[in-house]
């Protein structure tokens, strides 16, 4: 299993996903500013992985802090705010940073070394927990699959988007191990091509049959009766089940409903934001217009063309057949059943 992020001495080391699939290369980040930039530039991406990377970045920043203990509190808040400003939609980022802040605040009566050690330990725990959570999501989700299923997915919700195994691809991995997955249809995922660059590469590494299609081929493939289920990840799930995921996910959900194909979301409980009632309140990140104007730094349209580039869309809960979590599969009605799951 390829490592996507780890803390080594006084640096956060990340797999630079902007260089995949042509090159497997790691970047060493020695300041919180570099960690923040790496998250913004999609060198590291995927909601669970963004959260853990930010936690490592915060732990590294405090570990390198050389001022007085009185100066530590404002420094901690400054670094936390920097990392929180990187990606507004993925709620796991804020979940991870808030967890680090809770540990920090509860440790302020201890000496500086103990505070530093506790933060590093907490970040490492999040890393290990994420892998176990993904494996549980995979086991739970595989129960939904019939033998020889053909699965469609979009973006990359695999080991590359997490600390290992994956959410949507975790379900596919678990299902493939049980001879339940015949093939995967991977949507290319414009404009940054996470499907073609990352998902195809990742599945091929594991020997899982995968066929790449452009995003606008999905409906035709479904109409041919060649899709048995659609499984996607999530960046934020509202309390009513509305789900924000990579742009194009909503279109897949509408197409799946029209063709009577089950549509599932696979995500850890940390992706559920109980503070917002519906998807209308989810902040949608808009990214650089050149992501659409260019592919690999080559213009594919008029350089001055106006562009709308939302990174995510919101799929209404009524189009989702089930939400696969580490604690089990949540079925509609989501508003009631998510509350029940939260209380367990």
C-alpha atoms as a PDB file:
ATOM      1  CA  UNK A   1       0.000   0.000   0.000  1.00  0.00           C
ATOM      2  CA  UNK A   2       1.493   3.313  -1.090  1.00  0.00           C
ATOM      3  CA  UNK A   3       1.945   5.916   1.639  1.00  0.00           C
ATOM      4  CA  UNK A   4       0.226   9.207   0.912  1.00  0.00           C
ATOM      5  CA  UNK A   5       1.497  11.240   3.891  1.00  0.00           C
ATOM      6  CA  UNK A   6       3.738  10.835   6.893  1.00  0.00           C
ATOM      7  CA  UNK A   7       5.703  12.849   9.422  1.00  0.00           C
ATOM      8  CA  UNK A   8       9.453  12.337   9.288  1.00  0.00           C
ATOM      9  CA  UNK A   9      11.673  14.194  11.725  1.00  0.00           C
ATOM     10  CA  UNK A  10      10.678  17.843  11.221  1.00  0.00           C
ATOM     11  CA  UNK A  11       8.965  17.562   7.844  1.00  0.00           C
ATOM     12  CA  UNK A  12       5.587  16.514   6.466  1.00  0.00           C
ATOM     13  CA  UNK A  13       6.216  14.179   3.536  1.00  0.00           C
ATOM     14  CA  UNK A  14       3.458  13.856   0.930  1.00  0.00           C
ATOM     15  CA  UNK A  15       2.981  11.895  -2.263  1.00  0.00           C
ATOM     16  CA  UNK A  16       2.775  14.661  -4.870  1.00  0.00           C
ATOM     17  CA  UNK A  17      -0.413  13.703  -6.683  1.00  0.00           C
ATOM     18  CA  UNK A  18      -0.016  16.383  -9.339  1.00  0.00           C
ATOM     19  CA  UNK A  19       2.803  14.287 -10.810  1.00  0.00           C
ATOM     20  CA  UNK A  20       0.842  11.054 -11.046  1.00  0.00           C
ATOM     21  CA  UNK A  21       0.473   8.849 -13.024  1.00  0.00           C
ATOM     22  CA  UNK A  22       3.672   9.595 -14.934  1.00  0.00           C
ATOM     23  CA  UNK A  23       5.882   9.859 -11.866  1.00  0.00           C
ATOM     24  CA  UNK A  24       5.681   8.658  -8.266  1.00  0.00           C
ATOM     25  CA  UNK A  25       7.408  11.428  -6.332  1.00  0.00           C
ATOM     26  CA  UNK A  26       7.320  12.707  -2.780  1.00  0.00           C
ATOM     27  CA  UNK A  27       7.527  16.323  -1.605  1.00  0.00           C
ATOM     28  CA  UNK A  28       9.037  17.309   1.714  1.00  0.00           C
ATOM     29  CA  UNK A  29       7.259  20.207   3.398  1.00  0.00           C
ATOM     30  CA  UNK A  30       9.128  21.906   6.229  1.00  0.00           C
ATOM     31  CA  UNK A  31       6.804  24.823   7.030  1.00  0.00           C
ATOM     32  CA  UNK A  32       3.026  25.105   7.613  1.00  0.00           C
ATOM     33  CA  UNK A  33       2.925  27.555   4.699  1.00  0.00           C
ATOM     34  CA  UNK A  34       4.233  24.833   2.378  1.00  0.00           C
ATOM     35  CA  UNK A  35       1.668  22.366   3.729  1.00  0.00           C
ATOM     36  CA  UNK A  36      -1.118  24.890   3.099  1.00  0.00           C
ATOM     37  CA  UNK A  37       0.151  25.528  -0.424  1.00  0.00           C
ATOM     38  CA  UNK A  38       0.363  21.802  -1.155  1.00  0.00           C
ATOM     39  CA  UNK A  39      -3.287  21.381  -0.133  1.00  0.00           C
ATOM     40  CA  UNK A  40      -4.379  24.351  -2.253  1.00  0.00           C
ATOM     41  CA  UNK A  41      -2.478  23.124  -5.314  1.00  0.00           C
ATOM     42  CA  UNK A  42      -3.959  19.598  -5.002  1.00  0.00           C
ATOM     43  CA  UNK A  43      -0.556  18.056  -4.411  1.00  0.00           C
ATOM     44  CA  UNK A  44      -2.455  16.325  -1.622  1.00  0.00           C
ATOM     45  CA  UNK A  45      -6.226  15.933  -2.022  1.00  0.00           C
ATOM     46  CA  UNK A  46      -9.231  13.913  -0.925  1.00  0.00           C
ATOM     47  CA  UNK A  47     -11.243  14.959   2.124  1.00  0.00           C
ATOM     48  CA  UNK A  48      -9.878  12.413   4.663  1.00  0.00           C
ATOM     49  CA  UNK A  49      -6.277  12.896   3.508  1.00  0.00           C
ATOM     50  CA  UNK A  50      -6.531  16.687   3.582  1.00  0.00           C
ATOM     51  CA  UNK A  51      -7.604  16.495   7.224  1.00  0.00           C
ATOM     52  CA  UNK A  52      -4.758  14.222   8.316  1.00  0.00           C
ATOM     53  CA  UNK A  53      -2.209  16.222   6.309  1.00  0.00           C
ATOM     54  CA  UNK A  54      -3.334  19.419   8.002  1.00  0.00           C
ATOM     55  CA  UNK A  55      -3.038  17.691  11.388  1.00  0.00           C
ATOM     56  CA  UNK A  56       0.536  16.663  10.560  1.00  0.00           C
ATOM     57  CA  UNK A  57       1.248  20.226   9.419  1.00  0.00           C
ATOM     58  CA  UNK A  58      -0.056  21.667  12.673  1.00  0.00           C
ATOM     59  CA  UNK A  59       1.930  19.153  14.725  1.00  0.00           C
ATOM     60  CA  UNK A  60       5.087  19.965  12.760  1.00  0.00           C
ATOM     61  CA  UNK A  61       4.600  23.707  13.210  1.00  0.00           C
ATOM     62  CA  UNK A  62       4.248  23.378  16.986  1.00  0.00           C
ATOM     63  CA  UNK A  63       7.180  20.960  17.153  1.00  0.00           C
ATOM     64  CA  UNK A  64       9.392  23.605  15.500  1.00  0.00           C
ATOM     65  CA  UNK A  65       8.120  26.405  17.724  1.00  0.00           C
ATOM     66  CA  UNK A  66      10.941  27.971  19.766  1.00  0.00           C
ATOM     67  CA  UNK A  67       9.192  30.858  21.533  1.00  0.00           C
ATOM     68  CA  UNK A  68       7.756  31.048  25.020  1.00  0.00           C
ATOM     69  CA  UNK A  69       4.732  29.085  26.155  1.00  0.00           C
ATOM     70  CA  UNK A  70       2.750  32.336  26.357  1.00  0.00           C
ATOM     71  CA  UNK A  71       3.462  32.985  22.676  1.00  0.00           C
ATOM     72  CA  UNK A  72       2.422  29.466  21.707  1.00  0.00           C
ATOM     73  CA  UNK A  73      -1.346  29.987  21.920  1.00  0.00           C
ATOM     74  CA  UNK A  74      -1.573  32.820  19.356  1.00  0.00           C
ATOM     75  CA  UNK A  75       0.958  30.985  17.158  1.00  0.00           C
ATOM     76  CA  UNK A  76      -1.147  27.816  17.263  1.00  0.00           C
ATOM     77  CA  UNK A  77      -4.294  29.731  16.305  1.00  0.00           C
ATOM     78  CA  UNK A  78      -2.488  31.470  13.440  1.00  0.00           C
ATOM     79  CA  UNK A  79      -1.259  28.183  11.950  1.00  0.00           C
ATOM     80  CA  UNK A  80      -4.648  26.537  12.432  1.00  0.00           C
ATOM     81  CA  UNK A  81      -6.365  29.413  10.607  1.00  0.00           C
ATOM     82  CA  UNK A  82      -3.825  29.209   7.780  1.00  0.00           C
ATOM     83  CA  UNK A  83      -4.471  25.512   7.239  1.00  0.00           C
ATOM     84  CA  UNK A  84      -8.251  25.925   7.619  1.00  0.00           C
ATOM     85  CA  UNK A  85      -8.275  28.530   4.836  1.00  0.00           C
ATOM     86  CA  UNK A  86      -7.046  26.120   2.176  1.00  0.00           C
ATOM     87  CA  UNK A  87     -10.174  24.178   1.071  1.00  0.00           C
ATOM     88  CA  UNK A  88     -13.619  25.359   2.249  1.00  0.00           C
ATOM     89  CA  UNK A  89     -15.787  22.396   1.216  1.00  0.00           C
ATOM     90  CA  UNK A  90     -14.046  19.357   2.746  1.00  0.00           C
ATOM     91  CA  UNK A  91     -15.346  19.213   6.314  1.00  0.00           C
ATOM     92  CA  UNK A  92     -12.741  16.605   7.361  1.00  0.00           C
ATOM     93  CA  UNK A  93     -10.181  19.425   7.282  1.00  0.00           C
ATOM     94  CA  UNK A  94     -11.997  21.340  10.001  1.00  0.00           C
ATOM     95  CA  UNK A  95     -12.809  18.173  11.928  1.00  0.00           C
ATOM     96  CA  UNK A  96      -9.116  17.246  12.091  1.00  0.00           C
ATOM     97  CA  UNK A  97      -7.941  20.734  13.022  1.00  0.00           C
ATOM     98  CA  UNK A  98     -10.593  21.036  15.738  1.00  0.00           C
ATOM     99  CA  UNK A  99      -9.548  17.686  17.168  1.00  0.00           C
ATOM    100  CA  UNK A 100      -5.953  18.919  17.300  1.00  0.00           C
ATOM    101  CA  UNK A 101      -7.104  22.116  18.993  1.00  0.00           C
ATOM    102  CA  UNK A 102      -8.981  20.155  21.659  1.00  0.00           C
ATOM    103  CA  UNK A 103      -5.820  18.194  22.473  1.00  0.00           C
ATOM    104  CA  UNK A 104      -3.782  21.408  22.482  1.00  0.00           C
ATOM    105  CA  UNK A 105      -6.154  23.231  24.835  1.00  0.00           C
ATOM    106  CA  UNK A 106      -6.338  20.285  27.224  1.00  0.00           C
ATOM    107  CA  UNK A 107      -2.522  20.126  27.392  1.00  0.00           C
ATOM    108  CA  UNK A 108      -1.740  23.755  28.168  1.00  0.00           C
ATOM    109  CA  UNK A 109      -0.939  22.979  31.811  1.00  0.00           C
ATOM    110  CA  UNK A 110       1.861  20.660  30.686  1.00  0.00           C
ATOM    111  CA  UNK A 111       5.346  21.596  29.535  1.00  0.00           C
ATOM    112  CA  UNK A 112       6.139  22.437  25.931  1.00  0.00           C
ATOM    113  CA  UNK A 113       7.680  19.073  25.089  1.00  0.00           C
ATOM    114  CA  UNK A 114       4.609  17.220  26.333  1.00  0.00           C
ATOM    115  CA  UNK A 115       2.342  19.461  24.248  1.00  0.00           C
ATOM    116  CA  UNK A 116       4.439  18.811  21.148  1.00  0.00           C
ATOM    117  CA  UNK A 117       4.489  15.061  21.772  1.00  0.00           C
ATOM    118  CA  UNK A 118       0.724  14.899  22.290  1.00  0.00           C
ATOM    119  CA  UNK A 119       0.009  16.739  19.049  1.00  0.00           C
ATOM    120  CA  UNK A 120       2.287  14.456  17.048  1.00  0.00           C
ATOM    121  CA  UNK A 121       0.719  11.423  18.705  1.00  0.00           C
ATOM    122  CA  UNK A 122      -2.797  12.663  17.900  1.00  0.00           C
ATOM    123  CA  UNK A 123      -1.929  13.210  14.229  1.00  0.00           C
ATOM    124  CA  UNK A 124      -0.416   9.723  14.022  1.00  0.00           C
ATOM    125  CA  UNK A 125      -3.552   8.289  15.647  1.00  0.00           C
ATOM    126  CA  UNK A 126      -5.726   9.989  13.029  1.00  0.00           C
ATOM    127  CA  UNK A 127      -3.592   8.433  10.300  1.00  0.00           C
ATOM    128  CA  UNK A 128      -3.963   4.917  11.731  1.00  0.00           C
ATOM    129  CA  UNK A 129      -7.664   5.411  12.464  1.00  0.00           C
ATOM    130  CA  UNK A 130      -8.347   6.521   8.899  1.00  0.00           C
ATOM    131  CA  UNK A 131      -6.989   3.263   7.471  1.00  0.00           C
ATOM    132  CA  UNK A 132      -9.114   1.178   9.850  1.00  0.00           C
ATOM    133  CA  UNK A 133     -12.189   3.297   9.104  1.00  0.00           C
ATOM    134  CA  UNK A 134     -11.711   2.855   5.360  1.00  0.00           C
ATOM    135  CA  UNK A 135     -11.351  -0.901   5.738  1.00  0.00           C
ATOM    136  CA  UNK A 136     -14.606  -0.995   7.727  1.00  0.00           C
ATOM    137  CA  UNK A 137     -16.335   1.110   5.049  1.00  0.00           C
ATOM    138  CA  UNK A 138     -15.100  -1.355   2.453  1.00  0.00           C
ATOM    139  CA  UNK A 139     -16.382  -4.365   4.379  1.00  0.00           C
ATOM    140  CA  UNK A 140     -19.779  -2.762   4.958  1.00  0.00           C
ATOM    141  CA  UNK A 141     -20.144  -1.570   1.383  1.00  0.00           C
ATOM    142  CA  UNK A 142     -19.176  -4.875  -0.197  1.00  0.00           C
ATOM    143  CA  UNK A 143     -22.354  -6.378   1.305  1.00  0.00           C
ATOM    144  CA  UNK A 144     -24.360  -4.260  -1.112  1.00  0.00           C
ATOM    145  CA  UNK A 145     -22.682  -5.696  -4.200  1.00  0.00           C
ATOM    146  CA  UNK A 146     -23.875  -8.635  -6.232  1.00  0.00           C
ATOM    147  CA  UNK A 147     -21.458 -11.047  -7.874  1.00  0.00           C
ATOM    148  CA  UNK A 148     -19.770  -9.691 -11.031  1.00  0.00           C
ATOM    149  CA  UNK A 149     -20.909  -6.123 -10.382  1.00  0.00           C
ATOM    150  CA  UNK A 150     -19.896  -3.364 -12.749  1.00  0.00           C
ATOM    151  CA  UNK A 151     -19.281  -0.203 -10.730  1.00  0.00           C
ATOM    152  CA  UNK A 152     -19.110   3.390 -11.944  1.00  0.00           C
ATOM    153  CA  UNK A 153     -17.276   6.049  -9.968  1.00  0.00           C
ATOM    154  CA  UNK A 154     -16.049   9.618 -10.381  1.00  0.00           C
ATOM    155  CA  UNK A 155     -12.988  11.481  -9.104  1.00  0.00           C
ATOM    156  CA  UNK A 156     -10.677   9.520  -6.794  1.00  0.00           C
ATOM    157  CA  UNK A 157     -11.942   8.255  -3.450  1.00  0.00           C
ATOM    158  CA  UNK A 158      -9.278   5.621  -3.002  1.00  0.00           C
ATOM    159  CA  UNK A 159      -6.039   5.118  -1.106  1.00  0.00           C
ATOM    160  CA  UNK A 160      -4.741   8.294  -2.754  1.00  0.00           C
ATOM    161  CA  UNK A 161      -7.565  10.337  -1.214  1.00  0.00           C
ATOM    162  CA  UNK A 162      -7.084   8.860   2.244  1.00  0.00           C
ATOM    163  CA  UNK A 163      -4.353   7.376   4.391  1.00  0.00           C
ATOM    164  CA  UNK A 164      -4.884   4.028   2.711  1.00  0.00           C
ATOM    165  CA  UNK A 165      -7.503   1.672   1.194  1.00  0.00           C
ATOM    166  CA  UNK A 166     -10.051   4.358   0.334  1.00  0.00           C
ATOM    167  CA  UNK A 167     -13.764   5.034   0.754  1.00  0.00           C
ATOM    168  CA  UNK A 168     -15.551   4.462  -2.576  1.00  0.00           C
ATOM    169  CA  UNK A 169     -12.568   2.532  -3.917  1.00  0.00           C
ATOM    170  CA  UNK A 170     -12.350   0.803  -0.537  1.00  0.00           C
ATOM    171  CA  UNK A 171     -15.777  -0.689  -1.229  1.00  0.00           C
ATOM    172  CA  UNK A 172     -14.587  -1.702  -4.687  1.00  0.00           C
ATOM    173  CA  UNK A 173     -11.379  -3.217  -3.263  1.00  0.00           C
ATOM    174  CA  UNK A 174     -13.290  -5.220  -0.680  1.00  0.00           C
ATOM    175  CA  UNK A 175     -15.826  -6.329  -3.272  1.00  0.00           C
ATOM    176  CA  UNK A 176     -13.117  -7.358  -5.738  1.00  0.00           C
ATOM    177  CA  UNK A 177     -11.462  -9.485  -3.050  1.00  0.00           C
ATOM    178  CA  UNK A 178     -14.793 -11.311  -2.672  1.00  0.00           C
ATOM    179  CA  UNK A 179     -15.209 -11.804  -6.452  1.00  0.00           C
ATOM    180  CA  UNK A 180     -18.078  -9.319  -6.515  1.00  0.00           C
ATOM    181  CA  UNK A 181     -16.544  -6.742  -8.867  1.00  0.00           C
ATOM    182  CA  UNK A 182     -16.127  -7.549 -12.543  1.00  0.00           C
ATOM    183  CA  UNK A 183     -15.011  -4.094 -13.687  1.00  0.00           C
ATOM    184  CA  UNK A 184     -14.950  -0.409 -12.802  1.00  0.00           C
ATOM    185  CA  UNK A 185     -16.051   2.441 -15.050  1.00  0.00           C
ATOM    186  CA  UNK A 186     -13.888   5.433 -14.110  1.00  0.00           C
ATOM    187  CA  UNK A 187     -15.119   8.864 -15.190  1.00  0.00           C
ATOM    188  CA  UNK A 188     -12.158  11.038 -16.160  1.00  0.00           C
ATOM    189  CA  UNK A 189     -13.347  13.866 -13.858  1.00  0.00           C
ATOM    190  CA  UNK A 190     -12.762  17.141 -15.609  1.00  0.00           C
ATOM    191  CA  UNK A 191     -11.221  19.585 -15.178  1.00  0.00           C
ATOM    192  CA  UNK A 192      -8.311  18.212 -13.110  1.00  0.00           C
ATOM    193  CA  UNK A 193      -8.715  14.599 -14.291  1.00  0.00           C
ATOM    194  CA  UNK A 194      -8.495  12.836 -10.935  1.00  0.00           C
ATOM    195  CA  UNK A 195     -10.327   9.872 -12.437  1.00  0.00           C
ATOM    196  CA  UNK A 196      -8.031   9.343 -15.396  1.00  0.00           C
ATOM    197  CA  UNK A 197      -4.809  10.299 -13.614  1.00  0.00           C
ATOM    198  CA  UNK A 198      -5.385   8.754 -10.201  1.00  0.00           C
ATOM    199  CA  UNK A 199      -8.260   6.262 -10.061  1.00  0.00           C
ATOM    200  CA  UNK A 200      -7.218   4.388 -13.205  1.00  0.00           C
ATOM    201  CA  UNK A 201      -3.602   4.260 -12.018  1.00  0.00           C
ATOM    202  CA  UNK A 202      -4.580   3.139  -8.520  1.00  0.00           C
ATOM    203  CA  UNK A 203      -6.909   0.360  -9.677  1.00  0.00           C
ATOM    204  CA  UNK A 204      -4.390  -0.893 -12.226  1.00  0.00           C
ATOM    205  CA  UNK A 205      -1.785  -1.125  -9.450  1.00  0.00           C
ATOM    206  CA  UNK A 206      -4.120  -3.559  -7.690  1.00  0.00           C
ATOM    207  CA  UNK A 207      -5.052  -5.500 -10.813  1.00  0.00           C
ATOM    208  CA  UNK A 208      -8.702  -4.413 -10.677  1.00  0.00           C
ATOM    209  CA  UNK A 209     -10.216  -4.207 -14.198  1.00  0.00           C
ATOM    210  CA  UNK A 210     -10.973  -0.577 -15.029  1.00  0.00           C
ATOM    211  CA  UNK A 211     -12.216   1.211 -18.127  1.00  0.00           C
ATOM    212  CA  UNK A 212     -11.791   4.968 -18.492  1.00  0.00           C
ATOM    213  CA  UNK A 213     -14.588   7.092 -19.951  1.00  0.00           C
ATOM    214  CA  UNK A 214     -15.088  10.815 -20.345  1.00  0.00           C
ATOM    215  CA  UNK A 215     -17.637  12.289 -17.958  1.00  0.00           C
ATOM    216  CA  UNK A 216     -20.234  12.840 -20.693  1.00  0.00           C
ATOM    217  CA  UNK A 217     -20.197   9.142 -21.664  1.00  0.00           C
ATOM    218  CA  UNK A 218     -21.722   8.002 -18.352  1.00  0.00           C
ATOM    219  CA  UNK A 219     -25.354   8.169 -19.453  1.00  0.00           C
ATOM    220  CA  UNK A 220     -24.697   6.178 -22.618  1.00  0.00           C
ATOM    221  CA  UNK A 221     -22.826   3.459 -20.718  1.00  0.00           C
ATOM    222  CA  UNK A 222     -25.728   3.221 -18.256  1.00  0.00           C
ATOM    223  CA  UNK A 223     -28.252   3.035 -21.092  1.00  0.00           C
ATOM    224  CA  UNK A 224     -26.434  -0.030 -22.455  1.00  0.00           C
ATOM    225  CA  UNK A 225     -27.105  -1.856 -19.194  1.00  0.00           C
ATOM    226  CA  UNK A 226     -23.417  -1.980 -18.292  1.00  0.00           C
ATOM    227  CA  UNK A 227     -23.560  -0.421 -14.810  1.00  0.00           C
ATOM    228  CA  UNK A 228     -24.874  -2.213 -11.714  1.00  0.00           C
ATOM    229  CA  UNK A 229     -24.090   0.471  -9.124  1.00  0.00           C
ATOM    230  CA  UNK A 230     -22.542   3.908  -8.777  1.00  0.00           C
ATOM    231  CA  UNK A 231     -20.296   4.463  -5.745  1.00  0.00           C
ATOM    232  CA  UNK A 232     -18.757   7.839  -4.956  1.00  0.00           C
ATOM    233  CA  UNK A 233     -16.975   9.520  -2.080  1.00  0.00           C
ATOM    234  CA  UNK A 234     -17.957  12.726  -0.288  1.00  0.00           C
ATOM    235  CA  UNK A 235     -16.395  15.958   0.926  1.00  0.00           C
ATOM    236  CA  UNK A 236     -19.271  17.000   3.166  1.00  0.00           C
ATOM    237  CA  UNK A 237     -22.625  15.454   4.035  1.00  0.00           C
ATOM    238  CA  UNK A 238     -25.348  17.637   5.524  1.00  0.00           C
ATOM    239  CA  UNK A 239     -27.557  16.477   8.391  1.00  0.00           C
ATOM    240  CA  UNK A 240     -30.336  15.619   5.922  1.00  0.00           C
ATOM    241  CA  UNK A 241     -28.058  13.482   3.717  1.00  0.00           C
ATOM    242  CA  UNK A 242     -27.400  16.011   0.939  1.00  0.00           C
ATOM    243  CA  UNK A 243     -23.865  15.303  -0.214  1.00  0.00           C
ATOM    244  CA  UNK A 244     -21.152  17.505  -1.693  1.00  0.00           C
ATOM    245  CA  UNK A 245     -18.660  15.660  -3.868  1.00  0.00           C
ATOM    246  CA  UNK A 246     -16.554  16.321  -6.947  1.00  0.00           C
ATOM    247  CA  UNK A 247     -18.298  18.261  -9.708  1.00  0.00           C
ATOM    248  CA  UNK A 248     -20.160  15.822 -11.933  1.00  0.00           C
ATOM    249  CA  UNK A 249     -21.405  13.638  -9.087  1.00  0.00           C
ATOM    250  CA  UNK A 250     -24.893  15.184  -9.157  1.00  0.00           C
ATOM    251  CA  UNK A 251     -25.158  14.396 -12.877  1.00  0.00           C
ATOM    252  CA  UNK A 252     -24.262  10.754 -12.203  1.00  0.00           C
ATOM    253  CA  UNK A 253     -26.921  10.557  -9.502  1.00  0.00           C
ATOM    254  CA  UNK A 254     -29.615  11.916 -11.840  1.00  0.00           C
ATOM    255  CA  UNK A 255     -28.561   9.492 -14.586  1.00  0.00           C
ATOM    256  CA  UNK A 256     -28.465   6.580 -12.148  1.00  0.00           C
ATOM    257  CA  UNK A 257     -31.987   7.331 -10.924  1.00  0.00           C
ATOM    258  CA  UNK A 258     -33.292   7.509 -14.495  1.00  0.00           C
ATOM    259  CA  UNK A 259     -31.752   4.117 -15.279  1.00  0.00           C
ATOM    260  CA  UNK A 260     -32.792   2.506 -11.966  1.00  0.00           C
ATOM    261  CA  UNK A 261     -29.181   2.030 -10.862  1.00  0.00           C
ATOM    262  CA  UNK A 262     -28.416   2.241  -7.118  1.00  0.00           C
ATOM    263  CA  UNK A 263     -26.312   5.256  -6.165  1.00  0.00           C
ATOM    264  CA  UNK A 264     -24.190   5.003  -3.010  1.00  0.00           C
ATOM    265  CA  UNK A 265     -22.006   7.435  -1.080  1.00  0.00           C
ATOM    266  CA  UNK A 266     -19.056   6.010   0.879  1.00  0.00           C
ATOM    267  CA  UNK A 267     -17.623   8.256   3.584  1.00  0.00           C
ATOM    268  CA  UNK A 268     -16.415   8.239   7.187  1.00  0.00           C
ATOM    269  CA  UNK A 269     -18.637   9.682   9.902  1.00  0.00           C
ATOM    270  CA  UNK A 270     -16.249  12.638  10.148  1.00  0.00           C
ATOM    271  CA  UNK A 271     -17.561  13.771   6.736  1.00  0.00           C
ATOM    272  CA  UNK A 272     -21.071  14.290   8.142  1.00  0.00           C
ATOM    273  CA  UNK A 273     -21.599  17.898   9.187  1.00  0.00           C
ATOM    274  CA  UNK A 274     -24.467  17.881  11.675  1.00  0.00           C
ATOM    275  CA  UNK A 275     -24.188  21.664  12.051  1.00  0.00           C
ATOM    276  CA  UNK A 276     -25.834  22.286   8.682  1.00  0.00           C
ATOM    277  CA  UNK A 277     -29.355  21.210   7.822  1.00  0.00           C
ATOM    278  CA  UNK A 278     -29.081  20.802   4.066  1.00  0.00           C
ATOM    279  CA  UNK A 279     -26.747  20.954   1.094  1.00  0.00           C
ATOM    280  CA  UNK A 280     -27.772  24.559   0.420  1.00  0.00           C
ATOM    281  CA  UNK A 281     -25.523  25.564   3.313  1.00  0.00           C
ATOM    282  CA  UNK A 282     -22.429  23.709   2.089  1.00  0.00           C
ATOM    283  CA  UNK A 283     -19.772  26.176   0.872  1.00  0.00           C
ATOM    284  CA  UNK A 284     -18.721  25.281  -2.668  1.00  0.00           C
ATOM    285  CA  UNK A 285     -15.128  26.023  -3.560  1.00  0.00           C
ATOM    286  CA  UNK A 286     -14.506  27.791  -6.870  1.00  0.00           C
ATOM    287  CA  UNK A 287     -11.058  27.219  -8.289  1.00  0.00           C
ATOM    288  CA  UNK A 288      -8.716  28.886 -10.774  1.00  0.00           C
ATOM    289  CA  UNK A 289     -10.275  29.400 -14.213  1.00  0.00           C
ATOM    290  CA  UNK A 290      -7.126  28.078 -15.888  1.00  0.00           C
ATOM    291  CA  UNK A 291      -7.933  24.597 -14.587  1.00  0.00           C
ATOM    292  CA  UNK A 292     -10.659  24.572 -17.235  1.00  0.00           C
ATOM    293  CA  UNK A 293      -8.854  26.611 -19.870  1.00  0.00           C
ATOM    294  CA  UNK A 294      -5.809  24.326 -19.780  1.00  0.00           C
ATOM    295  CA  UNK A 295      -4.847  20.685 -19.617  1.00  0.00           C
ATOM    296  CA  UNK A 296      -1.315  20.143 -18.336  1.00  0.00           C
ATOM    297  CA  UNK A 297      -0.461  23.824 -18.927  1.00  0.00           C
ATOM    298  CA  UNK A 298      -1.628  23.735 -22.553  1.00  0.00           C
ATOM    299  CA  UNK A 299      -4.538  26.030 -23.452  1.00  0.00           C
ATOM    300  CA  UNK A 300      -7.483  24.156 -24.974  1.00  0.00           C
ATOM    301  CA  UNK A 301      -9.611  27.267 -25.468  1.00  0.00           C
ATOM    302  CA  UNK A 302      -9.214  30.999 -25.923  1.00  0.00           C
ATOM    303  CA  UNK A 303      -6.946  32.127 -23.042  1.00  0.00           C
ATOM    304  CA  UNK A 304      -9.285  35.034 -22.248  1.00  0.00           C
ATOM    305  CA  UNK A 305     -12.452  32.902 -22.160  1.00  0.00           C
ATOM    306  CA  UNK A 306     -14.634  33.421 -19.111  1.00  0.00           C
ATOM    307  CA  UNK A 307     -14.945  30.269 -16.970  1.00  0.00           C
ATOM    308  CA  UNK A 308     -17.115  29.017 -14.110  1.00  0.00           C
ATOM    309  CA  UNK A 309     -15.144  26.403 -12.163  1.00  0.00           C
ATOM    310  CA  UNK A 310     -16.911  25.031  -9.060  1.00  0.00           C
ATOM    311  CA  UNK A 311     -14.895  22.130  -7.658  1.00  0.00           C
ATOM    312  CA  UNK A 312     -17.956  20.394  -6.182  1.00  0.00           C
ATOM    313  CA  UNK A 313     -21.678  19.974  -6.613  1.00  0.00           C
ATOM    314  CA  UNK A 314     -24.379  18.804  -4.200  1.00  0.00           C
ATOM    315  CA  UNK A 315     -26.391  15.630  -4.714  1.00  0.00           C
ATOM    316  CA  UNK A 316     -29.817  15.785  -3.009  1.00  0.00           C
ATOM    317  CA  UNK A 317     -30.432  13.054  -0.443  1.00  0.00           C
ATOM    318  CA  UNK A 318     -33.436  11.721  -2.356  1.00  0.00           C
ATOM    319  CA  UNK A 319     -31.107  10.539  -5.136  1.00  0.00           C
ATOM    320  CA  UNK A 320     -28.896   8.551  -2.733  1.00  0.00           C
ATOM    321  CA  UNK A 321     -29.791   4.915  -2.032  1.00  0.00           C
ATOM    322  CA  UNK A 322     -27.423   4.531   0.907  1.00  0.00           C
ATOM    323  CA  UNK A 323     -24.535   6.161   2.763  1.00  0.00           C
ATOM    324  CA  UNK A 324     -21.801   3.651   3.599  1.00  0.00           C
ATOM    325  CA  UNK A 325     -19.908   4.452   6.812  1.00  0.00           C
ATOM    326  CA  UNK A 326     -17.558   2.626   9.149  1.00  0.00           C
ATOM    327  CA  UNK A 327     -20.491   1.955  11.492  1.00  0.00           C
ATOM    328  CA  UNK A 328     -22.783   0.542   8.845  1.00  0.00           C
ATOM    329  CA  UNK A 329     -24.982   1.504   5.920  1.00  0.00           C
ATOM    330  CA  UNK A 330     -27.403   4.360   6.466  1.00  0.00           C
ATOM    331  CA  UNK A 331     -30.661   4.215   4.535  1.00  0.00           C
ATOM    332  CA  UNK A 332     -33.345   6.876   4.061  1.00  0.00           C
ATOM    333  CA  UNK A 333     -34.802   8.772   5.806  1.00  0.00           C
ATOM    334  CA  UNK A 334     -31.354  10.252   6.392  1.00  0.00           C
ATOM    335  CA  UNK A 335     -32.348  13.076   8.721  1.00  0.00           C
ATOM    336  CA  UNK A 336     -33.626  10.584  11.286  1.00  0.00           C
ATOM    337  CA  UNK A 337     -31.173   7.738  10.666  1.00  0.00           C
ATOM    338  CA  UNK A 338     -28.063   9.940  10.695  1.00  0.00           C
ATOM    339  CA  UNK A 339     -29.130  11.219  14.116  1.00  0.00           C
ATOM    340  CA  UNK A 340     -29.504   7.660  15.371  1.00  0.00           C
ATOM    341  CA  UNK A 341     -26.049   6.762  14.076  1.00  0.00           C
ATOM    342  CA  UNK A 342     -24.544   9.856  15.679  1.00  0.00           C
ATOM    343  CA  UNK A 343     -25.877   8.758  19.049  1.00  0.00           C
ATOM    344  CA  UNK A 344     -24.318   5.280  18.880  1.00  0.00           C
END
